[in-house]
Amino acid sequence: MTINDYLIYPARFVSEDVGGYSVFVRHELGEWCTQGDTFEQAKEMALSLIIDCANFVAGKEPIPKACEPQEGDVQIFVPMDLALKFMLRNAMLEERWRVSDLAHKMNCTPQRLFKVVDFGRASKLELLAQVFEAIGRPLKIEC
């Protein structure tokens, strides 16, 4: 699993006859759908949809990776810290770590750790790297 699996999700934008756009964001298991009145609003809604869907499945099942783009797709860019959190949540699921157990291992409160892995909050790379290390998956950044 690499950060590239979660950084850019391809989306197909369909202009509607009545105005606005339908958006189909693709991932490895299928697609999510949303819409927007303008192209820019539709792009914003697509990113919001990715985050909402990740929140919905996080901890229960893996967050789907992006799939390969097709001709004509629009790229929906996920912020880097958020993509790392998607990776972290999937790694925690694979390694069977709950936030409360991990907080105990890291000698911090579960509330503090929830803030680090929360998709709605920005997190420092150093904190994310500490959590990856604690679950036995040291964070590697390569060029």
Protein backbone atom coordinates (compact mmCIF):
# COMPACT_ATOMS: atom_id res chain seq x y z
CA MET A 1 0.00 0.00 0.00
CA THR A 2 1.38 3.42 -0.96
CA ILE A 3 0.11 6.96 -0.66
CA ASN A 4 -0.41 6.99 -4.44
CA ASP A 5 -3.26 4.51 -3.93
CA TYR A 6 -5.26 7.28 -2.23
CA LEU A 7 -3.99 10.62 -3.61
CA ILE A 8 -5.93 10.92 -6.86
CA TYR A 9 -9.35 9.42 -7.52
CA PRO A 10 -10.57 9.50 -11.14
CA ALA A 11 -14.06 10.85 -11.76
CA ARG A 12 -16.34 11.00 -14.76
CA PHE A 13 -18.34 14.23 -15.06
CA VAL A 14 -21.60 14.14 -16.98
CA SER A 15 -23.19 17.46 -17.95
CA GLU A 16 -26.92 17.30 -17.29
CA ASP A 17 -29.52 18.76 -19.70
CA VAL A 18 -31.18 20.66 -16.85
CA GLY A 19 -27.85 22.14 -15.73
CA GLY A 20 -25.16 21.00 -13.38
CA TYR A 21 -23.06 17.86 -13.40
CA SER A 22 -23.40 14.31 -12.20
CA VAL A 23 -20.11 12.95 -10.93
CA PHE A 24 -19.05 9.31 -10.73
CA VAL A 25 -15.93 8.86 -8.58
CA ARG A 26 -14.30 5.52 -9.31
CA HIS A 27 -12.39 3.31 -6.90
CA GLU A 28 -11.18 -0.28 -6.87
CA LEU A 29 -14.59 -1.68 -5.84
CA GLY A 30 -16.91 0.43 -7.99
CA GLU A 31 -17.96 4.03 -7.91
CA TRP A 32 -19.58 6.68 -5.74
CA CYS A 33 -21.98 9.25 -7.17
CA THR A 34 -22.67 12.91 -6.42
CA GLN A 35 -23.60 16.08 -8.28
CA GLY A 36 -23.01 19.82 -8.37
CA ASP A 37 -24.59 22.87 -9.96
CA THR A 38 -21.29 24.05 -11.46
CA PHE A 39 -18.12 22.21 -12.50
CA GLU A 40 -16.18 23.62 -9.52
CA GLN A 41 -18.96 22.76 -7.08
CA ALA A 42 -19.11 19.25 -8.54
CA LYS A 43 -15.34 18.84 -7.96
CA GLU A 44 -15.75 20.00 -4.35
CA MET A 45 -18.66 17.61 -3.88
CA ALA A 46 -16.55 14.76 -5.29
CA LEU A 47 -13.82 15.31 -2.69
CA SER A 48 -16.42 15.65 0.05
CA LEU A 49 -17.98 12.38 -1.12
CA ILE A 50 -14.63 10.55 -0.96
CA ILE A 51 -14.14 11.75 2.63
CA ASP A 52 -17.72 10.90 3.65
CA CYS A 53 -17.48 7.40 2.20
CA ALA A 54 -14.10 6.84 3.87
CA ASN A 55 -15.60 7.94 7.20
CA PHE A 56 -18.50 5.56 6.71
CA VAL A 57 -16.37 2.46 6.12
CA ALA A 58 -13.33 3.33 8.28
CA GLY A 59 -12.77 0.74 10.97
CA LYS A 60 -15.32 -1.68 9.53
CA GLU A 61 -13.84 -2.43 6.14
CA PRO A 62 -10.92 -1.10 4.08
CA ILE A 63 -11.18 2.30 2.48
CA PRO A 64 -11.15 1.59 -1.27
CA LYS A 65 -8.09 2.59 -3.24
CA ALA A 66 -8.40 4.77 -6.32
CA CYS A 67 -8.43 2.98 -9.65
CA GLU A 68 -6.61 3.76 -12.87
CA PRO A 69 -7.94 6.82 -14.70
CA GLN A 70 -9.61 6.49 -18.08
CA GLU A 71 -9.54 8.91 -20.98
CA GLY A 72 -11.62 12.00 -20.20
CA ASP A 73 -11.55 11.51 -16.42
CA VAL A 74 -11.18 14.45 -14.06
CA GLN A 75 -8.67 13.95 -11.26
CA ILE A 76 -9.93 14.50 -7.73
CA PHE A 77 -6.92 15.29 -5.56
CA VAL A 78 -7.01 14.15 -1.93
CA PRO A 79 -4.84 16.20 0.48
CA MET A 80 -1.65 14.36 1.38
CA ASP A 81 -2.31 14.09 5.11
CA LEU A 82 -5.78 12.72 4.39
CA ALA A 83 -4.39 10.11 1.97
CA LEU A 84 -1.94 9.07 4.71
CA LYS A 85 -4.84 8.73 7.14
CA PHE A 86 -6.66 6.49 4.65
CA MET A 87 -3.52 4.32 4.53
CA LEU A 88 -3.22 4.38 8.31
CA ARG A 89 -6.85 3.39 8.88
CA ASN A 90 -6.47 0.49 6.44
CA ALA A 91 -3.21 -0.61 8.06
CA MET A 92 -4.85 -0.46 11.50
CA LEU A 93 -7.68 -2.62 10.21
CA GLU A 94 -5.27 -5.15 8.66
CA GLU A 95 -3.22 -5.34 11.86
CA ARG A 96 -6.40 -5.43 14.00
CA TRP A 97 -5.60 -2.31 16.02
CA ARG A 98 -8.43 -0.37 17.67
CA VAL A 99 -7.79 3.27 18.50
CA SER A 100 -8.27 2.63 22.24
CA ASP A 101 -5.72 -0.23 22.26
CA LEU A 102 -3.27 1.76 20.19
CA ALA A 103 -3.63 4.79 22.48
CA HIS A 104 -2.80 2.57 25.45
CA LYS A 105 0.31 1.25 23.65
CA MET A 106 1.36 4.81 22.73
CA ASN A 107 0.72 6.04 26.28
CA CYS A 108 -1.80 8.69 25.25
CA THR A 109 -5.53 9.15 25.61
CA PRO A 110 -7.89 7.65 23.02
CA GLN A 111 -9.30 11.16 22.48
CA ARG A 112 -5.88 12.47 21.47
CA LEU A 113 -5.35 9.59 19.05
CA PHE A 114 -8.86 10.01 17.60
CA LYS A 115 -7.87 13.60 16.77
CA VAL A 116 -4.78 12.37 14.93
CA VAL A 117 -6.68 9.87 12.76
CA ASP A 118 -9.79 12.06 12.27
CA PHE A 119 -10.34 12.79 8.56
CA GLY A 120 -11.71 16.24 9.37
CA ARG A 121 -8.57 17.50 11.11
CA ALA A 122 -5.13 18.27 9.80
CA SER A 123 -2.34 16.22 11.38
CA LYS A 124 1.40 16.65 11.44
CA LEU A 125 3.44 14.13 9.52
CA GLU A 126 5.46 13.38 12.66
CA LEU A 127 2.33 12.29 14.54
CA LEU A 128 1.13 10.11 11.68
CA ALA A 129 4.60 8.53 11.44
CA GLN A 130 4.49 7.73 15.18
CA VAL A 131 1.17 5.93 14.78
CA PHE A 132 2.41 3.97 11.76
CA GLU A 133 5.47 2.97 13.82
CA ALA A 134 3.29 1.90 16.76
CA ILE A 135 1.26 -0.51 14.62
CA GLY A 136 4.45 -2.04 13.22
CA ARG A 137 4.34 -0.38 9.81
CA PRO A 138 7.02 2.33 9.72
CA LEU A 139 6.08 5.14 7.33
CA LYS A 140 8.37 5.30 4.30
CA ILE A 141 8.56 8.28 1.97
CA GLU A 142 10.37 7.78 -1.31
CA CYS A 143 11.00 9.69 -4.51
